[in-house]
Amino acid sequence: MGEAKRKALAYTVKADVPGVKKDDIQVSIDGNQVSISAEVKHEKEEKEGKKLVRSERYYGKQFRSFMLAHDIDEARSEAEYSDGVLKLTLPKKAGAETKKLAIK
């Protein structure tokens, strides 16, 4: 039960980011907004012997931002990148619960 309770206190986000080095991925958290950006670099050269026949280069940036229902505890958040998948563990900030007001 302790494990289930802990999971309920955090968001888990998985994002496919294939072909990108982990150093080219940026994750930022501002309250309940999470932003993921990745710089994509692709270079390909085709040679015949020592002669360069064709060279292709592509550089671009991918960006995704989303908002969650609760503020995130940035200090306890974790990010892992393996086999083209970015996994974020985003604990909810303590005290971020909705309060109900008594109506007088």
C-alpha atoms as a PDB file:
ATOM      1  CA  MET A   1       0.000   0.000   0.000  1.00  0.00           C
ATOM      2  CA  GLY A   2       2.895   2.361   0.702  1.00  0.00           C
ATOM      3  CA  GLU A   3       4.120   2.052  -2.909  1.00  0.00           C
ATOM      4  CA  ALA A   4       0.675   2.805  -4.333  1.00  0.00           C
ATOM      5  CA  LYS A   5       0.322   5.831  -2.060  1.00  0.00           C
ATOM      6  CA  ARG A   6       3.733   7.152  -3.136  1.00  0.00           C
ATOM      7  CA  LYS A   7       2.861   6.755  -6.818  1.00  0.00           C
ATOM      8  CA  ALA A   8      -0.364   8.690  -6.290  1.00  0.00           C
ATOM      9  CA  LEU A   9       1.735  11.600  -5.005  1.00  0.00           C
ATOM     10  CA  ALA A  10       3.744  11.896  -8.241  1.00  0.00           C
ATOM     11  CA  TYR A  11       3.160  12.126 -11.975  1.00  0.00           C
ATOM     12  CA  THR A  12       5.052   9.841 -14.349  1.00  0.00           C
ATOM     13  CA  VAL A  13       5.523  11.167 -17.877  1.00  0.00           C
ATOM     14  CA  LYS A  14       7.091   9.241 -20.756  1.00  0.00           C
ATOM     15  CA  ALA A  15       8.047  11.039 -23.961  1.00  0.00           C
ATOM     16  CA  ASP A  16       9.535   9.520 -27.124  1.00  0.00           C
ATOM     17  CA  VAL A  17      12.605  11.509 -28.148  1.00  0.00           C
ATOM     18  CA  PRO A  18      14.398   9.170 -30.599  1.00  0.00           C
ATOM     19  CA  GLY A  19      17.756   9.987 -32.134  1.00  0.00           C
ATOM     20  CA  VAL A  20      18.610  12.747 -29.666  1.00  0.00           C
ATOM     21  CA  LYS A  21      21.545  12.782 -27.254  1.00  0.00           C
ATOM     22  CA  LYS A  22      20.550  13.260 -23.634  1.00  0.00           C
ATOM     23  CA  ASP A  23      22.759  16.374 -23.451  1.00  0.00           C
ATOM     24  CA  ASP A  24      20.530  17.966 -26.123  1.00  0.00           C
ATOM     25  CA  ILE A  25      17.341  17.558 -24.044  1.00  0.00           C
ATOM     26  CA  GLN A  26      16.160  20.266 -21.632  1.00  0.00           C
ATOM     27  CA  VAL A  27      13.367  19.885 -19.082  1.00  0.00           C
ATOM     28  CA  SER A  28      12.083  22.863 -17.115  1.00  0.00           C
ATOM     29  CA  ILE A  29       9.421  23.073 -14.418  1.00  0.00           C
ATOM     30  CA  ASP A  30       7.581  26.218 -13.382  1.00  0.00           C
ATOM     31  CA  GLY A  31       4.858  25.496 -10.812  1.00  0.00           C
ATOM     32  CA  ASN A  32       2.554  23.085 -12.608  1.00  0.00           C
ATOM     33  CA  GLN A  33       3.910  23.734 -16.110  1.00  0.00           C
ATOM     34  CA  VAL A  34       6.433  21.285 -17.556  1.00  0.00           C
ATOM     35  CA  SER A  35       8.399  22.052 -20.730  1.00  0.00           C
ATOM     36  CA  ILE A  36      10.528  19.621 -22.720  1.00  0.00           C
ATOM     37  CA  SER A  37      12.756  20.776 -25.567  1.00  0.00           C
ATOM     38  CA  ALA A  38      15.207  18.825 -27.679  1.00  0.00           C
ATOM     39  CA  GLU A  39      17.723  19.941 -30.263  1.00  0.00           C
ATOM     40  CA  VAL A  40      17.769  17.586 -33.226  1.00  0.00           C
ATOM     41  CA  LYS A  41      20.965  17.251 -35.271  1.00  0.00           C
ATOM     42  CA  HIS A  42      21.286  15.024 -38.302  1.00  0.00           C
ATOM     43  CA  GLU A  43      24.331  14.918 -40.552  1.00  0.00           C
ATOM     44  CA  LYS A  44      24.968  12.473 -43.374  1.00  0.00           C
ATOM     45  CA  GLU A  45      27.797  12.339 -45.877  1.00  0.00           C
ATOM     46  CA  GLU A  46      28.094  10.050 -48.879  1.00  0.00           C
ATOM     47  CA  LYS A  47      31.523   9.465 -50.374  1.00  0.00           C
ATOM     48  CA  GLU A  48      32.951   7.602 -53.341  1.00  0.00           C
ATOM     49  CA  GLY A  49      36.496   6.888 -52.314  1.00  0.00           C
ATOM     50  CA  LYS A  50      37.874  10.196 -51.032  1.00  0.00           C
ATOM     51  CA  LYS A  51      35.467  12.276 -53.116  1.00  0.00           C
ATOM     52  CA  LEU A  52      32.463  13.762 -51.312  1.00  0.00           C
ATOM     53  CA  VAL A  53      29.352  13.060 -53.391  1.00  0.00           C
ATOM     54  CA  ARG A  54      26.593  14.362 -51.119  1.00  0.00           C
ATOM     55  CA  SER A  55      26.303  16.037 -47.730  1.00  0.00           C
ATOM     56  CA  GLU A  56      23.022  16.524 -45.852  1.00  0.00           C
ATOM     57  CA  ARG A  57      22.537  18.440 -42.617  1.00  0.00           C
ATOM     58  CA  TYR A  58      19.417  19.046 -40.606  1.00  0.00           C
ATOM     59  CA  TYR A  59      19.167  21.015 -37.398  1.00  0.00           C
ATOM     60  CA  GLY A  60      15.938  21.726 -35.601  1.00  0.00           C
ATOM     61  CA  LYS A  61      14.292  22.086 -32.243  1.00  0.00           C
ATOM     62  CA  GLN A  62      11.316  20.231 -30.842  1.00  0.00           C
ATOM     63  CA  PHE A  63       9.322  21.705 -27.991  1.00  0.00           C
ATOM     64  CA  ARG A  64       6.398  20.479 -25.902  1.00  0.00           C
ATOM     65  CA  SER A  65       4.825  22.185 -22.906  1.00  0.00           C
ATOM     66  CA  PHE A  66       1.930  21.022 -20.761  1.00  0.00           C
ATOM     67  CA  MET A  67       0.224  21.876 -17.485  1.00  0.00           C
ATOM     68  CA  LEU A  68      -0.603  19.450 -14.684  1.00  0.00           C
ATOM     69  CA  ALA A  69      -3.324  19.704 -12.055  1.00  0.00           C
ATOM     70  CA  HIS A  70      -0.841  20.243  -9.181  1.00  0.00           C
ATOM     71  CA  ASP A  71       2.400  22.180  -8.703  1.00  0.00           C
ATOM     72  CA  ILE A  72       5.533  20.053  -9.006  1.00  0.00           C
ATOM     73  CA  ASP A  73       8.309  19.730  -6.400  1.00  0.00           C
ATOM     74  CA  GLU A  74      11.293  20.586  -8.624  1.00  0.00           C
ATOM     75  CA  ALA A  75      13.873  19.523  -6.016  1.00  0.00           C
ATOM     76  CA  ARG A  76      12.575  15.937  -5.908  1.00  0.00           C
ATOM     77  CA  SER A  77      11.841  15.557  -9.627  1.00  0.00           C
ATOM     78  CA  GLU A  78      13.863  13.050 -11.659  1.00  0.00           C
ATOM     79  CA  ALA A  79      14.550  12.513 -15.360  1.00  0.00           C
ATOM     80  CA  GLU A  80      15.915   9.392 -17.059  1.00  0.00           C
ATOM     81  CA  TYR A  81      16.691   8.892 -20.766  1.00  0.00           C
ATOM     82  CA  SER A  82      17.148   5.443 -22.252  1.00  0.00           C
ATOM     83  CA  ASP A  83      16.619   3.970 -25.731  1.00  0.00           C
ATOM     84  CA  GLY A  84      14.977   7.139 -27.061  1.00  0.00           C
ATOM     85  CA  VAL A  85      12.464   7.436 -24.212  1.00  0.00           C
ATOM     86  CA  LEU A  86      12.541  10.254 -21.658  1.00  0.00           C
ATOM     87  CA  LYS A  87      10.912   9.286 -18.338  1.00  0.00           C
ATOM     88  CA  LEU A  88      10.041  12.029 -15.860  1.00  0.00           C
ATOM     89  CA  THR A  89       9.018  11.405 -12.247  1.00  0.00           C
ATOM     90  CA  LEU A  90       7.346  14.580 -11.018  1.00  0.00           C
ATOM     91  CA  PRO A  91       6.317  14.564  -7.323  1.00  0.00           C
ATOM     92  CA  LYS A  92       3.428  16.806  -6.387  1.00  0.00           C
ATOM     93  CA  LYS A  93       4.405  19.709  -4.171  1.00  0.00           C
ATOM     94  CA  ALA A  94       3.276  19.308  -0.557  1.00  0.00           C
ATOM     95  CA  GLY A  95       0.397  21.552   0.395  1.00  0.00           C
ATOM     96  CA  ALA A  96      -0.848  21.806  -3.161  1.00  0.00           C
ATOM     97  CA  GLU A  97      -4.185  20.261  -2.280  1.00  0.00           C
ATOM     98  CA  THR A  98      -7.427  22.020  -3.046  1.00  0.00           C
ATOM     99  CA  LYS A  99      -9.092  23.519   0.011  1.00  0.00           C
ATOM    100  CA  LYS A 100     -12.832  23.547   0.470  1.00  0.00           C
ATOM    101  CA  LEU A 101     -14.260  26.641   2.071  1.00  0.00           C
ATOM    102  CA  ALA A 102     -17.155  26.546   4.482  1.00  0.00           C
ATOM    103  CA  ILE A 103     -20.029  28.654   3.256  1.00  0.00           C
ATOM    104  CA  LYS A 104     -21.459  30.957   5.914  1.00  0.00           C
END
